[in-house]
mmCIF file of all heavy atoms, coordinates in Angstrom:
data_MODEL
# 
_entry.id   MODEL 
# 
loop_
_atom_site.group_PDB 
_atom_site.id 
_atom_site.type_symbol 
_atom_site.label_atom_id 
_atom_site.label_alt_id 
_atom_site.label_comp_id 
_atom_site.label_asym_id 
_atom_site.label_entity_id 
_atom_site.label_seq_id 
_atom_site.pdbx_PDB_ins_code 
_atom_site.Cartn_x 
_atom_site.Cartn_y 
_atom_site.Cartn_z 
_atom_site.occupancy 
_atom_site.B_iso_or_equiv 
_atom_site.pdbx_formal_charge 
_atom_site.auth_seq_id 
_atom_site.auth_comp_id 
_atom_site.auth_asym_id 
_atom_site.auth_atom_id 
_atom_site.pdbx_PDB_model_num 
ATOM 1   N N   . SER A 1 1  ? -55.724 1.962  3.106  1.00 0.00 ? 1  SER A N   1 
ATOM 2   C CA  . SER A 1 1  ? -56.069 1.763  4.543  1.00 0.00 ? 1  SER A CA  1 
ATOM 3   C C   . SER A 1 1  ? -55.453 0.453  5.083  1.00 0.00 ? 1  SER A C   1 
ATOM 4   O O   . SER A 1 1  ? -55.288 -0.606 4.334  1.00 0.00 ? 1  SER A O   1 
ATOM 5   C CB  . SER A 1 1  ? -57.504 1.626  4.737  1.00 0.00 ? 1  SER A CB  1 
ATOM 6   O OG  . SER A 1 1  ? -58.126 2.763  4.321  1.00 0.00 ? 1  SER A OG  1 
ATOM 7   N N   . GLY A 1 2  ? -54.917 0.636  6.314  1.00 0.00 ? 2  GLY A N   1 
ATOM 8   C CA  . GLY A 1 2  ? -54.301 -0.597 6.806  1.00 0.00 ? 2  GLY A CA  1 
ATOM 9   C C   . GLY A 1 2  ? -53.869 -0.342 8.263  1.00 0.00 ? 2  GLY A C   1 
ATOM 10  O O   . GLY A 1 2  ? -53.775 0.783  8.822  1.00 0.00 ? 2  GLY A O   1 
ATOM 11  N N   . ASP A 1 3  ? -53.604 -1.448 9.064  1.00 0.00 ? 3  ASP A N   1 
ATOM 12  C CA  . ASP A 1 3  ? -53.218 -1.370 10.422 1.00 0.00 ? 3  ASP A CA  1 
ATOM 13  C C   . ASP A 1 3  ? -51.693 -1.420 10.456 1.00 0.00 ? 3  ASP A C   1 
ATOM 14  O O   . ASP A 1 3  ? -51.077 -0.843 11.511 1.00 0.00 ? 3  ASP A O   1 
ATOM 15  C CB  . ASP A 1 3  ? -53.756 -2.545 11.336 1.00 0.00 ? 3  ASP A CB  1 
ATOM 16  C CG  . ASP A 1 3  ? -55.333 -2.437 11.480 1.00 0.00 ? 3  ASP A CG  1 
ATOM 17  O OD1 . ASP A 1 3  ? -55.708 -1.249 11.781 1.00 0.00 ? 3  ASP A OD1 1 
ATOM 18  O OD2 . ASP A 1 3  ? -56.031 -3.388 11.161 1.00 0.00 ? 3  ASP A OD2 1 
ATOM 19  N N   . GLN A 1 4  ? -51.141 -2.138 9.612  1.00 0.00 ? 4  GLN A N   1 
ATOM 20  C CA  . GLN A 1 4  ? -49.589 -2.224 9.561  1.00 0.00 ? 4  GLN A CA  1 
ATOM 21  C C   . GLN A 1 4  ? -49.044 -2.133 8.203  1.00 0.00 ? 4  GLN A C   1 
ATOM 22  O O   . GLN A 1 4  ? -49.581 -2.737 7.258  1.00 0.00 ? 4  GLN A O   1 
ATOM 23  C CB  . GLN A 1 4  ? -49.156 -3.618 10.211 1.00 0.00 ? 4  GLN A CB  1 
ATOM 24  C CG  . GLN A 1 4  ? -47.636 -3.914 10.292 1.00 0.00 ? 4  GLN A CG  1 
ATOM 25  C CD  . GLN A 1 4  ? -47.348 -5.113 11.190 1.00 0.00 ? 4  GLN A CD  1 
ATOM 26  O OE1 . GLN A 1 4  ? -47.250 -5.040 12.245 1.00 0.00 ? 4  GLN A OE1 1 
ATOM 27  N NE2 . GLN A 1 4  ? -46.960 -6.214 10.435 1.00 0.00 ? 4  GLN A NE2 1 
ATOM 28  N N   . LEU A 1 5  ? -47.885 -1.480 8.048  1.00 0.00 ? 5  LEU A N   1 
ATOM 29  C CA  . LEU A 1 5  ? -47.226 -1.205 6.847  1.00 0.00 ? 5  LEU A CA  1 
ATOM 30  C C   . LEU A 1 5  ? -45.749 -2.031 7.052  1.00 0.00 ? 5  LEU A C   1 
ATOM 31  O O   . LEU A 1 5  ? -45.069 -1.697 7.982  1.00 0.00 ? 5  LEU A O   1 
ATOM 32  C CB  . LEU A 1 5  ? -47.033 0.184  6.565  1.00 0.00 ? 5  LEU A CB  1 
ATOM 33  C CG  . LEU A 1 5  ? -46.165 0.467  5.328  1.00 0.00 ? 5  LEU A CG  1 
ATOM 34  C CD1 . LEU A 1 5  ? -46.743 0.068  4.021  1.00 0.00 ? 5  LEU A CD1 1 
ATOM 35  C CD2 . LEU A 1 5  ? -45.832 2.046  5.230  1.00 0.00 ? 5  LEU A CD2 1 
ATOM 36  N N   . GLU A 1 6  ? -45.475 -2.929 6.206  1.00 0.00 ? 6  GLU A N   1 
ATOM 37  C CA  . GLU A 1 6  ? -44.224 -3.560 6.199  1.00 0.00 ? 6  GLU A CA  1 
ATOM 38  C C   . GLU A 1 6  ? -43.522 -3.247 4.848  1.00 0.00 ? 6  GLU A C   1 
ATOM 39  O O   . GLU A 1 6  ? -44.092 -2.937 3.758  1.00 0.00 ? 6  GLU A O   1 
ATOM 40  C CB  . GLU A 1 6  ? -44.369 -5.112 6.193  1.00 0.00 ? 6  GLU A CB  1 
ATOM 41  C CG  . GLU A 1 6  ? -45.033 -5.547 7.440  1.00 0.00 ? 6  GLU A CG  1 
ATOM 42  C CD  . GLU A 1 6  ? -45.334 -7.066 7.445  1.00 0.00 ? 6  GLU A CD  1 
ATOM 43  O OE1 . GLU A 1 6  ? -44.343 -7.752 7.435  1.00 0.00 ? 6  GLU A OE1 1 
ATOM 44  O OE2 . GLU A 1 6  ? -46.456 -7.499 7.417  1.00 0.00 ? 6  GLU A OE2 1 
ATOM 45  N N   . LEU A 1 7  ? -42.219 -3.271 4.972  1.00 0.00 ? 7  LEU A N   1 
ATOM 46  C CA  . LEU A 1 7  ? -41.349 -2.853 3.825  1.00 0.00 ? 7  LEU A CA  1 
ATOM 47  C C   . LEU A 1 7  ? -40.112 -3.769 3.695  1.00 0.00 ? 7  LEU A C   1 
ATOM 48  O O   . LEU A 1 7  ? -39.374 -3.871 4.764  1.00 0.00 ? 7  LEU A O   1 
ATOM 49  C CB  . LEU A 1 7  ? -40.867 -1.396 3.859  1.00 0.00 ? 7  LEU A CB  1 
ATOM 50  C CG  . LEU A 1 7  ? -39.833 -0.855 2.919  1.00 0.00 ? 7  LEU A CG  1 
ATOM 51  C CD1 . LEU A 1 7  ? -40.353 -1.009 1.427  1.00 0.00 ? 7  LEU A CD1 1 
ATOM 52  C CD2 . LEU A 1 7  ? -39.435 0.557  3.209  1.00 0.00 ? 7  LEU A CD2 1 
ATOM 53  N N   . THR A 1 8  ? -39.798 -4.238 2.526  1.00 0.00 ? 8  THR A N   1 
ATOM 54  C CA  . THR A 1 8  ? -38.546 -4.790 2.263  1.00 0.00 ? 8  THR A CA  1 
ATOM 55  C C   . THR A 1 8  ? -37.739 -3.890 1.403  1.00 0.00 ? 8  THR A C   1 
ATOM 56  O O   . THR A 1 8  ? -38.317 -3.476 0.280  1.00 0.00 ? 8  THR A O   1 
ATOM 57  C CB  . THR A 1 8  ? -38.714 -6.245 1.409  1.00 0.00 ? 8  THR A CB  1 
ATOM 58  O OG1 . THR A 1 8  ? -39.517 -7.194 2.300  1.00 0.00 ? 8  THR A OG1 1 
ATOM 59  C CG2 . THR A 1 8  ? -37.443 -6.821 1.183  1.00 0.00 ? 8  THR A CG2 1 
ATOM 60  N N   . ALA A 1 9  ? -36.630 -3.465 1.814  1.00 0.00 ? 9  ALA A N   1 
ATOM 61  C CA  . ALA A 1 9  ? -35.919 -2.450 1.093  1.00 0.00 ? 9  ALA A CA  1 
ATOM 62  C C   . ALA A 1 9  ? -34.479 -2.814 0.977  1.00 0.00 ? 9  ALA A C   1 
ATOM 63  O O   . ALA A 1 9  ? -33.830 -3.694 1.801  1.00 0.00 ? 9  ALA A O   1 
ATOM 64  C CB  . ALA A 1 9  ? -35.957 -1.096 1.745  1.00 0.00 ? 9  ALA A CB  1 
ATOM 65  N N   . MET A 1 10 ? -33.777 -2.331 -0.113 1.00 0.00 ? 10 MET A N   1 
ATOM 66  C CA  . MET A 1 10 ? -32.264 -2.500 -0.151 1.00 0.00 ? 10 MET A CA  1 
ATOM 67  C C   . MET A 1 10 ? -31.680 -1.287 0.421  1.00 0.00 ? 10 MET A C   1 
ATOM 68  O O   . MET A 1 10 ? -31.967 -0.094 0.129  1.00 0.00 ? 10 MET A O   1 
ATOM 69  C CB  . MET A 1 10 ? -31.914 -2.383 -1.791 1.00 0.00 ? 10 MET A CB  1 
ATOM 70  C CG  . MET A 1 10 ? -30.412 -2.461 -1.884 1.00 0.00 ? 10 MET A CG  1 
ATOM 71  S SD  . MET A 1 10 ? -29.913 -2.459 -3.579 1.00 0.00 ? 10 MET A SD  1 
ATOM 72  C CE  . MET A 1 10 ? -30.122 -4.203 -4.001 1.00 0.00 ? 10 MET A CE  1 
ATOM 73  N N   . VAL A 1 11 ? -30.921 -1.508 1.550  1.00 0.00 ? 11 VAL A N   1 
ATOM 74  C CA  . VAL A 1 11 ? -30.311 -0.521 2.234  1.00 0.00 ? 11 VAL A CA  1 
ATOM 75  C C   . VAL A 1 11 ? -28.876 -0.311 1.653  1.00 0.00 ? 11 VAL A C   1 
ATOM 76  O O   . VAL A 1 11 ? -28.018 -1.299 1.534  1.00 0.00 ? 11 VAL A O   1 
ATOM 77  C CB  . VAL A 1 11 ? -30.203 -0.916 3.683  1.00 0.00 ? 11 VAL A CB  1 
ATOM 78  C CG1 . VAL A 1 11 ? -29.447 0.187  4.489  1.00 0.00 ? 11 VAL A CG1 1 
ATOM 79  C CG2 . VAL A 1 11 ? -31.586 -1.058 4.337  1.00 0.00 ? 11 VAL A CG2 1 
ATOM 80  N N   . VAL A 1 12 ? -28.532 0.988  1.328  1.00 0.00 ? 12 VAL A N   1 
ATOM 81  C CA  . VAL A 1 12 ? -27.305 1.313  0.827  1.00 0.00 ? 12 VAL A CA  1 
ATOM 82  C C   . VAL A 1 12 ? -26.420 2.054  1.779  1.00 0.00 ? 12 VAL A C   1 
ATOM 83  O O   . VAL A 1 12 ? -26.861 3.046  2.373  1.00 0.00 ? 12 VAL A O   1 
ATOM 84  C CB  . VAL A 1 12 ? -27.434 2.247  -0.467 1.00 0.00 ? 12 VAL A CB  1 
ATOM 85  C CG1 . VAL A 1 12 ? -26.139 2.517  -1.293 1.00 0.00 ? 12 VAL A CG1 1 
ATOM 86  C CG2 . VAL A 1 12 ? -28.502 1.695  -1.448 1.00 0.00 ? 12 VAL A CG2 1 
ATOM 87  N N   . SER A 1 13 ? -25.205 1.534  2.116  1.00 0.00 ? 13 SER A N   1 
ATOM 88  C CA  . SER A 1 13 ? -24.263 2.157  3.020  1.00 0.00 ? 13 SER A CA  1 
ATOM 89  C C   . SER A 1 13 ? -22.987 2.426  2.319  1.00 0.00 ? 13 SER A C   1 
ATOM 90  O O   . SER A 1 13 ? -22.542 1.763  1.389  1.00 0.00 ? 13 SER A O   1 
ATOM 91  C CB  . SER A 1 13 ? -24.043 1.161  4.215  1.00 0.00 ? 13 SER A CB  1 
ATOM 92  O OG  . SER A 1 13 ? -25.297 0.854  4.826  1.00 0.00 ? 13 SER A OG  1 
ATOM 93  N N   . VAL A 1 14 ? -22.342 3.448  2.895  1.00 0.00 ? 14 VAL A N   1 
ATOM 94  C CA  . VAL A 1 14 ? -20.896 3.907  2.515  1.00 0.00 ? 14 VAL A CA  1 
ATOM 95  C C   . VAL A 1 14 ? -20.038 4.027  3.651  1.00 0.00 ? 14 VAL A C   1 
ATOM 96  O O   . VAL A 1 14 ? -20.571 4.275  4.792  1.00 0.00 ? 14 VAL A O   1 
ATOM 97  C CB  . VAL A 1 14 ? -21.104 5.230  1.711  1.00 0.00 ? 14 VAL A CB  1 
ATOM 98  C CG1 . VAL A 1 14 ? -19.734 5.593  1.093  1.00 0.00 ? 14 VAL A CG1 1 
ATOM 99  C CG2 . VAL A 1 14 ? -22.153 5.165  0.664  1.00 0.00 ? 14 VAL A CG2 1 
ATOM 100 N N   . ARG A 1 15 ? -18.840 3.751  3.439  1.00 0.00 ? 15 ARG A N   1 
ATOM 101 C CA  . ARG A 1 15 ? -17.801 4.018  4.552  1.00 0.00 ? 15 ARG A CA  1 
ATOM 102 C C   . ARG A 1 15 ? -17.819 5.540  4.999  1.00 0.00 ? 15 ARG A C   1 
ATOM 103 O O   . ARG A 1 15 ? -17.862 6.422  4.060  1.00 0.00 ? 15 ARG A O   1 
ATOM 104 C CB  . ARG A 1 15 ? -16.437 3.658  4.046  1.00 0.00 ? 15 ARG A CB  1 
ATOM 105 C CG  . ARG A 1 15 ? -16.134 2.205  3.823  1.00 0.00 ? 15 ARG A CG  1 
ATOM 106 C CD  . ARG A 1 15 ? -14.665 1.832  3.600  1.00 0.00 ? 15 ARG A CD  1 
ATOM 107 N NE  . ARG A 1 15 ? -14.514 0.562  3.154  1.00 0.00 ? 15 ARG A NE  1 
ATOM 108 C CZ  . ARG A 1 15 ? -13.299 0.112  2.814  1.00 0.00 ? 15 ARG A CZ  1 
ATOM 109 N NH1 . ARG A 1 15 ? -12.307 0.893  2.746  1.00 0.00 ? 15 ARG A NH1 1 
ATOM 110 N NH2 . ARG A 1 15 ? -13.174 -1.244 2.550  1.00 0.00 ? 15 ARG A NH2 1 
ATOM 111 N N   . GLU A 1 16 ? -17.879 5.649  6.312  1.00 0.00 ? 16 GLU A N   1 
ATOM 112 C CA  . GLU A 1 16 ? -18.028 7.030  6.784  1.00 0.00 ? 16 GLU A CA  1 
ATOM 113 C C   . GLU A 1 16 ? -16.803 7.903  6.306  1.00 0.00 ? 16 GLU A C   1 
ATOM 114 O O   . GLU A 1 16 ? -17.086 9.105  6.003  1.00 0.00 ? 16 GLU A O   1 
ATOM 115 C CB  . GLU A 1 16 ? -17.959 7.027  8.329  1.00 0.00 ? 16 GLU A CB  1 
ATOM 116 C CG  . GLU A 1 16 ? -19.259 6.632  8.899  1.00 0.00 ? 16 GLU A CG  1 
ATOM 117 C CD  . GLU A 1 16 ? -19.236 6.561  10.477 1.00 0.00 ? 16 GLU A CD  1 
ATOM 118 O OE1 . GLU A 1 16 ? -18.163 6.883  11.004 1.00 0.00 ? 16 GLU A OE1 1 
ATOM 119 O OE2 . GLU A 1 16 ? -20.246 6.372  11.018 1.00 0.00 ? 16 GLU A OE2 1 
ATOM 120 N N   . THR A 1 17 ? -15.629 7.435  6.278  1.00 0.00 ? 17 THR A N   1 
ATOM 121 C CA  . THR A 1 17 ? -14.564 8.337  5.886  1.00 0.00 ? 17 THR A CA  1 
ATOM 122 C C   . THR A 1 17 ? -14.569 8.641  4.416  1.00 0.00 ? 17 THR A C   1 
ATOM 123 O O   . THR A 1 17 ? -14.306 9.701  3.951  1.00 0.00 ? 17 THR A O   1 
ATOM 124 C CB  . THR A 1 17 ? -13.128 7.620  6.243  1.00 0.00 ? 17 THR A CB  1 
ATOM 125 O OG1 . THR A 1 17 ? -13.190 6.206  5.767  1.00 0.00 ? 17 THR A OG1 1 
ATOM 126 C CG2 . THR A 1 17 ? -12.973 7.500  7.711  1.00 0.00 ? 17 THR A CG2 1 
ATOM 127 N N   . HIS A 1 18 ? -14.971 7.685  3.646  1.00 0.00 ? 18 HIS A N   1 
ATOM 128 C CA  . HIS A 1 18 ? -15.116 7.875  2.133  1.00 0.00 ? 18 HIS A CA  1 
ATOM 129 C C   . HIS A 1 18 ? -16.149 8.847  1.874  1.00 0.00 ? 18 HIS A C   1 
ATOM 130 O O   . HIS A 1 18 ? -15.984 9.779  1.048  1.00 0.00 ? 18 HIS A O   1 
ATOM 131 C CB  . HIS A 1 18 ? -15.409 6.563  1.470  1.00 0.00 ? 18 HIS A CB  1 
ATOM 132 C CG  . HIS A 1 18 ? -15.619 6.555  0.024  1.00 0.00 ? 18 HIS A CG  1 
ATOM 133 N ND1 . HIS A 1 18 ? -14.805 7.197  -0.767 1.00 0.00 ? 18 HIS A ND1 1 
ATOM 134 C CD2 . HIS A 1 18 ? -16.671 6.173  -0.766 1.00 0.00 ? 18 HIS A CD2 1 
ATOM 135 C CE1 . HIS A 1 18 ? -15.162 7.074  -2.090 1.00 0.00 ? 18 HIS A CE1 1 
ATOM 136 N NE2 . HIS A 1 18 ? -16.358 6.453  -2.086 1.00 0.00 ? 18 HIS A NE2 1 
ATOM 137 N N   . LEU A 1 19 ? -17.320 8.741  2.565  1.00 0.00 ? 19 LEU A N   1 
ATOM 138 C CA  . LEU A 1 19 ? -18.443 9.664  2.354  1.00 0.00 ? 19 LEU A CA  1 
ATOM 139 C C   . LEU A 1 19 ? -18.026 11.067 2.867  1.00 0.00 ? 19 LEU A C   1 
ATOM 140 O O   . LEU A 1 19 ? -18.388 12.066 2.248  1.00 0.00 ? 19 LEU A O   1 
ATOM 141 C CB  . LEU A 1 19 ? -19.618 9.262  3.127  1.00 0.00 ? 19 LEU A CB  1 
ATOM 142 C CG  . LEU A 1 19 ? -20.860 10.093 3.039  1.00 0.00 ? 19 LEU A CG  1 
ATOM 143 C CD1 . LEU A 1 19 ? -21.348 10.119 1.514  1.00 0.00 ? 19 LEU A CD1 1 
ATOM 144 C CD2 . LEU A 1 19 ? -21.971 9.479  3.923  1.00 0.00 ? 19 LEU A CD2 1 
ATOM 145 N N   . ALA A 1 20 ? -17.287 11.109 3.990  1.00 0.00 ? 20 ALA A N   1 
ATOM 146 C CA  . ALA A 1 20 ? -16.938 12.459 4.564  1.00 0.00 ? 20 ALA A CA  1 
ATOM 147 C C   . ALA A 1 20 ? -16.062 13.283 3.585  1.00 0.00 ? 20 ALA A C   1 
ATOM 148 O O   . ALA A 1 20 ? -16.074 14.361 3.327  1.00 0.00 ? 20 ALA A O   1 
ATOM 149 C CB  . ALA A 1 20 ? -16.160 12.328 5.825  1.00 0.00 ? 20 ALA A CB  1 
ATOM 150 N N   . ASN A 1 21 ? -15.084 12.503 2.962  1.00 0.00 ? 21 ASN A N   1 
ATOM 151 C CA  . ASN A 1 21 ? -14.175 13.159 1.959  1.00 0.00 ? 21 ASN A CA  1 
ATOM 152 C C   . ASN A 1 21 ? -14.877 13.557 0.665  1.00 0.00 ? 21 ASN A C   1 
ATOM 153 O O   . ASN A 1 21 ? -14.565 14.647 0.126  1.00 0.00 ? 21 ASN A O   1 
ATOM 154 C CB  . ASN A 1 21 ? -13.165 12.066 1.487  1.00 0.00 ? 21 ASN A CB  1 
ATOM 155 C CG  . ASN A 1 21 ? -12.078 11.867 2.682  1.00 0.00 ? 21 ASN A CG  1 
ATOM 156 O OD1 . ASN A 1 21 ? -11.791 12.783 3.383  1.00 0.00 ? 21 ASN A OD1 1 
ATOM 157 N ND2 . ASN A 1 21 ? -11.435 10.709 2.721  1.00 0.00 ? 21 ASN A ND2 1 
ATOM 158 N N   . ILE A 1 22 ? -15.855 12.717 0.218  1.00 0.00 ? 22 ILE A N   1 
ATOM 159 C CA  . ILE A 1 22 ? -16.695 13.267 -0.879 1.00 0.00 ? 22 ILE A CA  1 
ATOM 160 C C   . ILE A 1 22 ? -17.503 14.469 -0.566 1.00 0.00 ? 22 ILE A C   1 
ATOM 161 O O   . ILE A 1 22 ? -17.514 15.424 -1.388 1.00 0.00 ? 22 ILE A O   1 
ATOM 162 C CB  . ILE A 1 22 ? -17.626 12.067 -1.336 1.00 0.00 ? 22 ILE A CB  1 
ATOM 163 C CG1 . ILE A 1 22 ? -16.823 10.802 -2.007 1.00 0.00 ? 22 ILE A CG1 1 
ATOM 164 C CG2 . ILE A 1 22 ? -18.777 12.578 -2.285 1.00 0.00 ? 22 ILE A CG2 1 
ATOM 165 C CD1 . ILE A 1 22 ? -17.583 9.652  -2.265 1.00 0.00 ? 22 ILE A CD1 1 
ATOM 166 N N   . ILE A 1 23 ? -18.186 14.443 0.534  1.00 0.00 ? 23 ILE A N   1 
ATOM 167 C CA  . ILE A 1 23 ? -19.014 15.700 1.048  1.00 0.00 ? 23 ILE A CA  1 
ATOM 168 C C   . ILE A 1 23 ? -18.100 16.846 1.081  1.00 0.00 ? 23 ILE A C   1 
ATOM 169 O O   . ILE A 1 23 ? -18.446 17.965 0.579  1.00 0.00 ? 23 ILE A O   1 
ATOM 170 C CB  . ILE A 1 23 ? -19.648 15.353 2.295  1.00 0.00 ? 23 ILE A CB  1 
ATOM 171 C CG1 . ILE A 1 23 ? -20.736 14.233 1.956  1.00 0.00 ? 23 ILE A CG1 1 
ATOM 172 C CG2 . ILE A 1 23 ? -20.314 16.646 2.777  1.00 0.00 ? 23 ILE A CG2 1 
ATOM 173 C CD1 . ILE A 1 23 ? -21.287 13.814 3.421  1.00 0.00 ? 23 ILE A CD1 1 
ATOM 174 N N   . LYS A 1 24 ? -16.962 16.710 1.597  1.00 0.00 ? 24 LYS A N   1 
ATOM 175 C CA  . LYS A 1 24 ? -15.955 17.876 1.709  1.00 0.00 ? 24 LYS A CA  1 
ATOM 176 C C   . LYS A 1 24 ? -15.513 18.411 0.355  1.00 0.00 ? 24 LYS A C   1 
ATOM 177 O O   . LYS A 1 24 ? -15.458 19.531 0.185  1.00 0.00 ? 24 LYS A O   1 
ATOM 178 C CB  . LYS A 1 24 ? -14.750 17.492 2.562  1.00 0.00 ? 24 LYS A CB  1 
ATOM 179 C CG  . LYS A 1 24 ? -13.901 18.627 2.840  1.00 0.00 ? 24 LYS A CG  1 
ATOM 180 C CD  . LYS A 1 24 ? -12.733 18.255 3.882  1.00 0.00 ? 24 LYS A CD  1 
ATOM 181 C CE  . LYS A 1 24 ? -11.921 19.401 4.297  1.00 0.00 ? 24 LYS A CE  1 
ATOM 182 N NZ  . LYS A 1 24 ? -10.823 19.107 5.272  1.00 0.00 ? 24 LYS A NZ  1 
ATOM 183 N N   . ALA A 1 25 ? -15.218 17.470 -0.540 1.00 0.00 ? 25 ALA A N   1 
ATOM 184 C CA  . ALA A 1 25 ? -14.769 17.841 -1.910 1.00 0.00 ? 25 ALA A CA  1 
ATOM 185 C C   . ALA A 1 25 ? -15.764 18.642 -2.673 1.00 0.00 ? 25 ALA A C   1 
ATOM 186 O O   . ALA A 1 25 ? -15.634 19.641 -3.262 1.00 0.00 ? 25 ALA A O   1 
ATOM 187 C CB  . ALA A 1 25 ? -14.344 16.596 -2.678 1.00 0.00 ? 25 ALA A CB  1 
ATOM 188 N N   . ILE A 1 26 ? -17.034 18.150 -2.435 1.00 0.00 ? 26 ILE A N   1 
ATOM 189 C CA  . ILE A 1 26 ? -18.303 18.787 -3.146 1.00 0.00 ? 26 ILE A CA  1 
ATOM 190 C C   . ILE A 1 26 ? -18.503 20.201 -2.464 1.00 0.00 ? 26 ILE A C   1 
ATOM 191 O O   . ILE A 1 26 ? -18.619 21.249 -3.123 1.00 0.00 ? 26 ILE A O   1 
ATOM 192 C CB  . ILE A 1 26 ? -19.479 17.899 -2.952 1.00 0.00 ? 26 ILE A CB  1 
ATOM 193 C CG1 . ILE A 1 26 ? -19.287 16.689 -3.902 1.00 0.00 ? 26 ILE A CG1 1 
ATOM 194 C CG2 . ILE A 1 26 ? -20.764 18.685 -3.471 1.00 0.00 ? 26 ILE A CG2 1 
ATOM 195 C CD1 . ILE A 1 26 ? -20.356 15.732 -3.717 1.00 0.00 ? 26 ILE A CD1 1 
ATOM 196 N N   . GLU A 1 27 ? -18.502 20.299 -1.194 1.00 0.00 ? 27 GLU A N   1 
ATOM 197 C CA  . GLU A 1 27 ? -18.746 21.560 -0.449 1.00 0.00 ? 27 GLU A CA  1 
ATOM 198 C C   . GLU A 1 27 ? -17.554 22.505 -0.733 1.00 0.00 ? 27 GLU A C   1 
ATOM 199 O O   . GLU A 1 27 ? -17.837 23.745 -0.846 1.00 0.00 ? 27 GLU A O   1 
ATOM 200 C CB  . GLU A 1 27 ? -18.896 21.323 0.944  1.00 0.00 ? 27 GLU A CB  1 
ATOM 201 C CG  . GLU A 1 27 ? -20.128 20.597 1.395  1.00 0.00 ? 27 GLU A CG  1 
ATOM 202 C CD  . GLU A 1 27 ? -20.285 20.403 2.975  1.00 0.00 ? 27 GLU A CD  1 
ATOM 203 O OE1 . GLU A 1 27 ? -19.276 20.406 3.633  1.00 0.00 ? 27 GLU A OE1 1 
ATOM 204 O OE2 . GLU A 1 27 ? -21.411 19.992 3.402  1.00 0.00 ? 27 GLU A OE2 1 
ATOM 205 N N   . ASN A 1 28 ? -16.355 22.031 -0.842 1.00 0.00 ? 28 ASN A N   1 
ATOM 206 C CA  . ASN A 1 28 ? -15.272 23.016 -1.197 1.00 0.00 ? 28 ASN A CA  1 
ATOM 207 C C   . ASN A 1 28 ? -15.418 23.576 -2.588 1.00 0.00 ? 28 ASN A C   1 
ATOM 208 O O   . ASN A 1 28 ? -14.811 24.581 -2.889 1.00 0.00 ? 28 ASN A O   1 
ATOM 209 C CB  . ASN A 1 28 ? -13.943 22.138 -1.099 1.00 0.00 ? 28 ASN A CB  1 
ATOM 210 C CG  . ASN A 1 28 ? -13.486 21.994 0.362  1.00 0.00 ? 28 ASN A CG  1 
ATOM 211 O OD1 . ASN A 1 28 ? -14.053 22.433 1.214  1.00 0.00 ? 28 ASN A OD1 1 
ATOM 212 N ND2 . ASN A 1 28 ? -12.386 21.289 0.454  1.00 0.00 ? 28 ASN A ND2 1 
# 
């Protein structure tokens, strides 16, 4: 139970072009 939830998190980011190529290779 609580009124407010706070979170400290490690945010992981990838270059859009790099990610797009990986996704395309996997989908192919």
